[in-house]
């Protein structure tokens, strides 16, 4: 990842008012179960398992939501700015949103996979031409990539949001197929086979990366993101959750009843797994008219399916062999 410290053009106005909230990552509370770090969330959401929204400078006289199927989508840092922040308001009005399939190369660099007949591709070509004719020093198309975590189960709330500010740059025709092969090693999408014909890859050169979690907004350093790895279970999280719910429900409910105080255990009505990561399970429990989110931590981080089997057995006290059930 390159050009990490300078935000591009007018789009940077949309994140500037949040800078004061983006200091160092707060330390984990004493005794709190371990969870994915902001840098790990960044790599997980950058991998492309869930699509993102790409915000570009709006065409002159065009609708600021042109090209977006979700007119309610917002930049992770556009948020509810103070009404006095006129700069942020101008930035929000001057962008258009497009759904996009993003992914990474072998080194974690961000790529955009775009159909050559799509409106997004045409708009990127138009903006790239404008950038090429700009004053010396300008390079690429200023953009913001916004990726919202989509956890399994409708009862679950998003756990993280990734916001990447940077420049979209063209990839030469001679490099398209090689880059597609590198991207397929990280995320084997069938659409990558069409790169060079009906699809094209663009590169997103990164200036600024922020991740929003329950702990706040985190401005990430390049080294931290580069050293982090995507969660090994995110792509099949729904499948793992369904397996635990279907085949290990007795052990799950028994664990919940052991974890809750006696009075709350007696009033427990519903138990559901709403997330899994390398460090543990998130379990949503309905107690009376309210809910509680419990964490079933693994004894040690699980790096893959084989380790997950033992981790689940240990966390839930289940003797059935975890995912072998």
Protein backbone atom coordinates (compact mmCIF):
# COMPACT_ATOMS: atom_id res chain seq x y z
CA UNK A 1 0.00 0.00 0.00
CA UNK A 2 1.35 3.42 -0.91
CA UNK A 3 0.67 7.13 -0.45
CA UNK A 4 -0.63 6.51 3.04
CA UNK A 5 -0.41 9.97 4.60
CA UNK A 6 -2.02 12.38 2.14
CA UNK A 7 -5.76 12.36 1.50
CA UNK A 8 -6.88 12.95 -2.10
CA UNK A 9 -8.60 16.10 -3.25
CA UNK A 10 -12.01 17.29 -2.03
CA UNK A 11 -13.09 13.85 -0.85
CA UNK A 12 -10.78 14.28 2.14
CA UNK A 13 -13.14 16.98 3.46
CA UNK A 14 -15.64 14.24 4.29
CA UNK A 15 -13.33 12.58 6.80
CA UNK A 16 -11.46 15.58 8.17
CA UNK A 17 -13.94 16.34 10.96
CA UNK A 18 -13.41 12.84 12.39
CA UNK A 19 -9.64 13.09 12.68
CA UNK A 20 -9.74 14.00 16.36
CA UNK A 21 -11.62 10.77 17.11
CA UNK A 22 -9.03 8.60 15.38
CA UNK A 23 -6.15 8.26 17.75
CA UNK A 24 -4.43 5.13 18.91
CA UNK A 25 -6.46 1.95 19.35
CA UNK A 26 -7.67 1.79 22.97
CA UNK A 27 -6.27 -1.12 24.97
CA UNK A 28 -8.40 -4.20 25.58
CA UNK A 29 -10.24 -3.99 28.89
CA UNK A 30 -8.70 -6.13 31.60
CA UNK A 31 -10.31 -9.55 31.57
CA UNK A 32 -12.24 -8.89 28.34
CA UNK A 33 -12.24 -11.75 25.79
CA UNK A 34 -9.96 -11.18 22.82
CA UNK A 35 -11.56 -10.00 19.59
CA UNK A 36 -10.24 -9.14 16.12
CA UNK A 37 -8.10 -6.01 16.10
CA UNK A 38 -9.00 -3.04 13.86
CA UNK A 39 -6.13 -3.99 11.53
CA UNK A 40 -7.46 -7.54 11.26
CA UNK A 41 -10.91 -6.15 10.48
CA UNK A 42 -9.35 -3.98 7.77
CA UNK A 43 -7.73 -6.98 6.07
CA UNK A 44 -10.88 -9.09 6.49
CA UNK A 45 -13.21 -6.52 4.92
CA UNK A 46 -10.66 -5.59 2.23
CA UNK A 47 -10.58 -9.21 1.02
CA UNK A 48 -13.85 -8.75 -0.89
CA UNK A 49 -16.08 -11.37 0.74
CA UNK A 50 -18.76 -8.69 0.97
CA UNK A 51 -19.01 -5.96 -1.70
CA UNK A 52 -18.27 -2.33 -1.00
CA UNK A 53 -19.50 1.08 -2.07
CA UNK A 54 -17.16 3.27 -4.10
CA UNK A 55 -17.67 7.03 -3.88
CA UNK A 56 -16.35 9.15 -6.74
CA UNK A 57 -16.54 12.84 -7.64
CA UNK A 58 -20.00 13.50 -9.05
CA UNK A 59 -20.48 14.47 -12.68
CA UNK A 60 -21.23 18.16 -13.20
CA UNK A 61 -24.98 18.68 -12.87
CA UNK A 62 -25.54 15.00 -12.01
CA UNK A 63 -27.34 13.42 -9.11
CA UNK A 64 -25.00 12.87 -6.15
CA UNK A 65 -26.38 9.32 -5.82
CA UNK A 66 -26.00 8.44 -9.50
CA UNK A 67 -25.14 4.81 -10.07
CA UNK A 68 -25.95 3.65 -6.54
CA UNK A 69 -28.64 1.01 -5.89
CA UNK A 70 -28.63 2.05 -2.22
CA UNK A 71 -29.45 5.71 -1.87
CA UNK A 72 -29.27 5.38 1.90
CA UNK A 73 -25.63 4.29 1.92
CA UNK A 74 -23.20 6.68 3.57
CA UNK A 75 -19.46 7.02 3.78
CA UNK A 76 -18.26 5.48 7.04
CA UNK A 77 -16.95 8.89 8.03
CA UNK A 78 -19.57 11.13 6.39
CA UNK A 79 -21.93 10.21 9.24
CA UNK A 80 -23.91 12.88 11.03
CA UNK A 81 -21.48 15.80 10.87
CA UNK A 82 -22.06 19.02 12.76
CA UNK A 83 -24.28 21.33 10.71
CA UNK A 84 -21.59 23.99 10.93
CA UNK A 85 -19.17 21.79 8.94
CA UNK A 86 -19.93 23.28 5.55
CA UNK A 87 -16.92 21.60 3.98
CA UNK A 88 -18.23 18.14 4.81
CA UNK A 89 -21.65 19.07 3.46
CA UNK A 90 -20.12 20.19 0.17
CA UNK A 91 -18.13 16.95 -0.03
CA UNK A 92 -21.20 14.78 0.52
CA UNK A 93 -23.12 16.68 -2.16
CA UNK A 94 -20.29 16.32 -4.65
CA UNK A 95 -19.97 12.56 -4.78
CA UNK A 96 -21.75 9.66 -6.42
CA UNK A 97 -21.92 6.10 -5.09
CA UNK A 98 -21.43 2.80 -6.95
CA UNK A 99 -21.56 -0.73 -5.62
CA UNK A 100 -18.27 -2.44 -6.40
CA UNK A 101 -16.52 -5.78 -6.08
CA UNK A 102 -13.20 -5.11 -4.42
CA UNK A 103 -10.45 -7.60 -3.57
CA UNK A 104 -6.75 -7.70 -2.78
CA UNK A 105 -3.58 -8.82 -4.48
CA UNK A 106 -1.02 -11.15 -2.91
CA UNK A 107 0.44 -8.28 -0.83
CA UNK A 108 -2.85 -6.90 0.41
CA UNK A 109 -3.07 -4.09 -2.16
CA UNK A 110 -6.65 -3.10 -2.98
CA UNK A 111 -8.14 -3.84 -6.40
CA UNK A 112 -11.51 -3.09 -8.01
CA UNK A 113 -13.12 -5.63 -10.37
CA UNK A 114 -15.41 -3.79 -12.78
CA UNK A 115 -17.43 -4.91 -15.80
CA UNK A 116 -16.30 -3.04 -18.90
CA UNK A 117 -19.92 -2.31 -19.84
CA UNK A 118 -20.90 -0.97 -16.44
CA UNK A 119 -21.56 2.68 -15.64
CA UNK A 120 -18.80 2.56 -13.03
CA UNK A 121 -16.20 1.57 -15.63
CA UNK A 122 -17.27 4.37 -17.97
CA UNK A 123 -17.17 6.88 -15.13
CA UNK A 124 -13.70 5.76 -14.05
CA UNK A 125 -12.43 6.12 -17.61
CA UNK A 126 -13.90 9.62 -17.81
CA UNK A 127 -12.37 10.68 -14.50
CA UNK A 128 -9.02 9.09 -15.39
CA UNK A 129 -8.88 11.23 -18.52
CA UNK A 130 -9.66 14.33 -16.46
CA UNK A 131 -6.90 13.41 -13.98
CA UNK A 132 -4.42 12.92 -16.80
CA UNK A 133 -5.07 16.48 -17.94
CA UNK A 134 -4.83 17.96 -14.44
CA UNK A 135 -1.87 20.07 -13.25
CA UNK A 136 1.42 18.33 -12.56
CA UNK A 137 1.40 16.25 -9.42
CA UNK A 138 -2.17 14.97 -9.78
CA UNK A 139 -2.49 11.24 -10.30
CA UNK A 140 -5.45 8.89 -10.27
CA UNK A 141 -9.11 9.39 -9.44
CA UNK A 142 -9.90 10.44 -5.84
CA UNK A 143 -12.23 7.90 -4.24
CA UNK A 144 -13.55 6.47 -0.98
CA UNK A 145 -14.21 2.75 -0.58
CA UNK A 146 -16.75 1.95 2.14
CA UNK A 147 -17.25 -1.67 3.28
CA UNK A 148 -19.79 -2.62 5.95
CA UNK A 149 -19.50 -5.91 7.80
CA UNK A 150 -22.47 -8.21 7.15
CA UNK A 151 -22.66 -10.76 9.98
CA UNK A 152 -24.81 -13.92 9.71
CA UNK A 153 -28.32 -13.78 11.12
CA UNK A 154 -30.79 -10.92 10.93
CA UNK A 155 -30.58 -10.40 14.69
CA UNK A 156 -26.92 -9.41 14.43
CA UNK A 157 -25.73 -5.83 14.09
CA UNK A 158 -22.71 -4.87 11.95
CA UNK A 159 -19.51 -5.25 13.93
CA UNK A 160 -17.12 -3.18 11.83
CA UNK A 161 -16.89 -0.78 8.92
CA UNK A 162 -13.90 -0.13 6.70
CA UNK A 163 -13.34 3.23 5.04
CA UNK A 164 -10.42 3.62 2.61
CA UNK A 165 -9.58 6.98 1.06
CA UNK A 166 -7.27 6.94 -1.94
CA UNK A 167 -6.83 7.16 -5.71
CA UNK A 168 -8.17 4.74 -8.30
CA UNK A 169 -5.59 4.10 -11.02
CA UNK A 170 -5.76 2.24 -14.31
CA UNK A 171 -3.96 -1.06 -14.76
CA UNK A 172 -2.29 -1.53 -18.15
CA UNK A 173 -3.73 -4.14 -20.53
CA UNK A 174 -0.50 -6.15 -20.39
CA UNK A 175 -0.75 -6.45 -16.60
CA UNK A 176 -4.44 -7.33 -16.31
CA UNK A 177 -4.17 -11.14 -16.54
CA UNK A 178 -1.17 -11.41 -14.23
CA UNK A 179 -2.89 -9.27 -11.62
CA UNK A 180 -6.07 -11.34 -11.97
CA UNK A 181 -4.10 -14.51 -11.23
CA UNK A 182 -2.56 -12.90 -8.15
CA UNK A 183 -6.00 -11.78 -6.97
CA UNK A 184 -7.46 -15.26 -7.54
CA UNK A 185 -4.89 -16.70 -5.13
CA UNK A 186 -6.45 -14.56 -2.37
CA UNK A 187 -10.12 -14.80 -3.47
CA UNK A 188 -10.90 -17.27 -6.31
CA UNK A 189 -13.79 -15.44 -7.98
CA UNK A 190 -15.03 -16.90 -11.24
CA UNK A 191 -15.39 -13.36 -12.61
CA UNK A 192 -11.60 -13.01 -12.56
CA UNK A 193 -11.51 -15.38 -15.56
CA UNK A 194 -13.15 -12.61 -17.60
CA UNK A 195 -10.45 -10.03 -16.84
CA UNK A 196 -9.04 -8.81 -20.13
CA UNK A 197 -12.31 -9.33 -22.02
CA UNK A 198 -15.55 -8.25 -20.31
CA UNK A 199 -14.01 -7.19 -16.99
CA UNK A 200 -11.11 -5.02 -15.91
CA UNK A 201 -9.10 -4.51 -12.75
CA UNK A 202 -8.35 -1.08 -11.34
CA UNK A 203 -5.96 -0.44 -8.47
CA UNK A 204 -6.88 1.61 -5.40
CA UNK A 205 -3.76 3.32 -4.09
CA UNK A 206 -4.33 3.91 -0.38
CA UNK A 207 -3.95 7.24 1.41
CA UNK A 208 -5.97 6.70 4.58
CA UNK A 209 -7.55 3.66 6.26
CA UNK A 210 -10.06 3.85 9.09
CA UNK A 211 -12.04 1.11 10.77
CA UNK A 212 -15.07 1.72 12.96
CA UNK A 213 -15.84 -0.83 15.68
CA UNK A 214 -17.75 -0.76 18.96
CA UNK A 215 -14.65 0.79 20.53
CA UNK A 216 -14.67 3.79 18.18
CA UNK A 217 -12.96 4.96 14.99
CA UNK A 218 -9.39 3.75 14.44
CA UNK A 219 -6.90 5.38 12.06
CA UNK A 220 -4.58 2.56 10.99
CA UNK A 221 -0.88 2.61 10.23
CA UNK A 222 0.43 0.98 7.06
CA UNK A 223 2.64 -1.50 8.93
CA UNK A 224 -0.22 -2.67 11.14
CA UNK A 225 -2.50 -3.35 8.19
CA UNK A 226 0.25 -5.06 6.19
CA UNK A 227 1.12 -7.34 9.12
CA UNK A 228 -2.51 -8.31 9.82
CA UNK A 229 -4.31 -11.25 8.23
CA UNK A 230 -7.93 -11.69 7.23
CA UNK A 231 -10.06 -13.81 9.53
CA UNK A 232 -9.94 -17.42 8.29
CA UNK A 233 -13.64 -18.05 8.96
CA UNK A 234 -15.24 -14.87 7.62
CA UNK A 235 -15.97 -16.20 4.12
CA UNK A 236 -17.87 -19.21 5.55
CA UNK A 237 -19.01 -17.64 8.80
CA UNK A 238 -22.68 -18.32 8.08
CA UNK A 239 -21.92 -21.99 7.45
CA UNK A 240 -20.01 -22.36 10.71
CA UNK A 241 -22.79 -20.61 12.63
CA UNK A 242 -25.44 -22.84 11.03
CA UNK A 243 -23.42 -25.92 11.95
CA UNK A 244 -23.08 -24.92 15.60
CA UNK A 245 -26.77 -24.00 15.76
CA UNK A 246 -27.88 -27.23 14.10
CA UNK A 247 -25.59 -29.92 15.49
CA UNK A 248 -24.24 -28.52 18.75
CA UNK A 249 -27.25 -26.65 20.08
CA UNK A 250 -27.52 -28.63 23.32
CA UNK A 251 -23.91 -27.82 24.22
CA UNK A 252 -24.46 -24.17 23.23
CA UNK A 253 -27.56 -23.75 25.42
CA UNK A 254 -25.89 -25.54 28.32
CA UNK A 255 -22.91 -23.17 28.05
CA UNK A 256 -25.21 -20.13 28.09
CA UNK A 257 -27.05 -21.35 31.18
CA UNK A 258 -23.74 -21.89 32.95
CA UNK A 259 -22.53 -18.41 32.01
CA UNK A 260 -25.60 -16.48 33.17
CA UNK A 261 -26.50 -15.74 36.77
CA UNK A 262 -29.18 -18.10 38.05
CA UNK A 263 -32.00 -15.55 37.90
CA UNK A 264 -31.17 -14.63 34.28
CA UNK A 265 -30.71 -18.26 33.26
CA UNK A 266 -34.22 -19.01 34.52
CA UNK A 267 -35.64 -16.24 32.30
CA UNK A 268 -33.68 -17.15 29.13
CA UNK A 269 -35.97 -17.48 26.11
CA UNK A 270 -33.78 -17.54 22.99
CA UNK A 271 -30.14 -18.42 22.23
CA UNK A 272 -28.49 -17.80 18.86
CA UNK A 273 -24.94 -17.59 17.52
CA UNK A 274 -24.45 -14.30 15.68
CA UNK A 275 -20.75 -14.46 14.85
CA UNK A 276 -17.54 -16.46 14.84
CA UNK A 277 -13.95 -15.41 14.37
CA UNK A 278 -10.51 -16.82 15.11
CA UNK A 279 -10.85 -15.84 18.78
CA UNK A 280 -14.33 -17.09 19.68
CA UNK A 281 -18.11 -17.10 19.26
CA UNK A 282 -20.62 -14.29 19.77
CA UNK A 283 -23.90 -15.54 21.27
CA UNK A 284 -27.04 -13.39 21.50
CA UNK A 285 -29.31 -14.34 24.39
CA UNK A 286 -32.85 -13.12 25.02
CA UNK A 287 -33.44 -12.82 28.76
CA UNK A 288 -36.98 -11.79 29.58
CA UNK A 289 -37.73 -8.67 27.52
CA UNK A 290 -34.05 -7.80 27.00
CA UNK A 291 -30.98 -9.24 25.29
CA UNK A 292 -27.37 -9.92 26.22
CA UNK A 293 -24.39 -10.57 23.98
CA UNK A 294 -22.08 -13.25 25.40
CA UNK A 295 -18.61 -14.14 24.21
CA UNK A 296 -17.44 -17.76 24.14
CA UNK A 297 -13.66 -17.33 23.81
CA UNK A 298 -11.36 -19.97 22.37
CA UNK A 299 -8.43 -21.08 24.49
CA UNK A 300 -6.14 -20.00 21.64
CA UNK A 301 -6.74 -18.43 18.21
CA UNK A 302 -7.93 -20.91 15.59
CA UNK A 303 -6.12 -20.68 12.25
CA UNK A 304 -8.33 -23.03 10.23
CA UNK A 305 -11.12 -25.66 10.25
CA UNK A 306 -9.02 -28.33 11.96
CA UNK A 307 -8.17 -26.02 14.87
CA UNK A 308 -11.74 -24.73 14.98
CA UNK A 309 -13.06 -28.21 15.80
CA UNK A 310 -11.01 -28.41 18.99
CA UNK A 311 -11.64 -24.74 19.82
CA UNK A 312 -15.41 -25.17 19.71
CA UNK A 313 -15.29 -28.27 21.87
CA UNK A 314 -13.18 -26.48 24.47
CA UNK A 315 -15.25 -23.26 24.47
CA UNK A 316 -18.66 -24.96 24.74
CA UNK A 317 -17.64 -28.00 26.75
CA UNK A 318 -18.88 -30.20 23.89
CA UNK A 319 -17.40 -33.74 23.65
CA UNK A 320 -18.75 -34.43 20.17
CA UNK A 321 -15.69 -33.49 18.11
CA UNK A 322 -16.70 -29.99 17.01
CA UNK A 323 -17.32 -29.71 13.29
CA UNK A 324 -16.99 -33.46 12.78
CA UNK A 325 -20.49 -33.84 14.22
